Amino acid sequence: MKEVEKYIALRDEFSKELEQAAIKAERACWDFYTNSTEENAKLYEDAQDEYSKLFQNKSLYEKFSKIDREKLPHHELKQLKYLLKEFDEELNTGESLKQLRIKENEIAKKFNSYIPKIDEKEITKTEITKILQTETDTEKRRMAYEAKIKSGELIAGDMIEFVKLRNKYAETKGFSSYF
């Protein structure tokens, strides 16, 4: 079997599992970001873990690594490099990546669950945006603005911690910071 055929067969076999895990993760992501409940957070985290575990398969990584890159056309070579990078990251820093995902999901849950209030009355984020764009009464705009920025106050401490985690992760990859 030619090297390109060997690669394509291996890639296609892996892609079947990857596609299913990716679809599941994206659906769980949508559900979580549109309805940030504990249940949806757990389903999303589980789907992310399932996706990540596909790239923690050392045996499969070794099979991809043994493909002779010199014999692959440009497009397939690019795919292989991307796959090997994903495997390498999960195999070598998977736990750090998981901690980043967990922290990011915590922040998203807080932010997405926040319901702004004006004069103790709950108001949607869409209504806040409309007030900020069209309201001529400056006092109403000020109240809408203050209601909107409270979501930032809610996650500020978590964001600082998240940046520190990202920078620590970047250092393990040889960079001075993530940004």
Foldseek 3Di string as FASTA:
>chain_A
DDLQVLLVVLVVVLVVQLVVLVVQLVVLVVCCLQPVDPVSLVSNLVSVVSNLVSLQPVVSLVSLVPRDLVRHPPVSSVVSVVSNVSSCCCNPPVVLVSVLVVLVSVLSSLLSPQFFDAPNHTDHPVVLVVCCVDPPPVVSVVSSVVSNCVSVVRCVVSVVVSQVSQQVVVVVVVDNGND
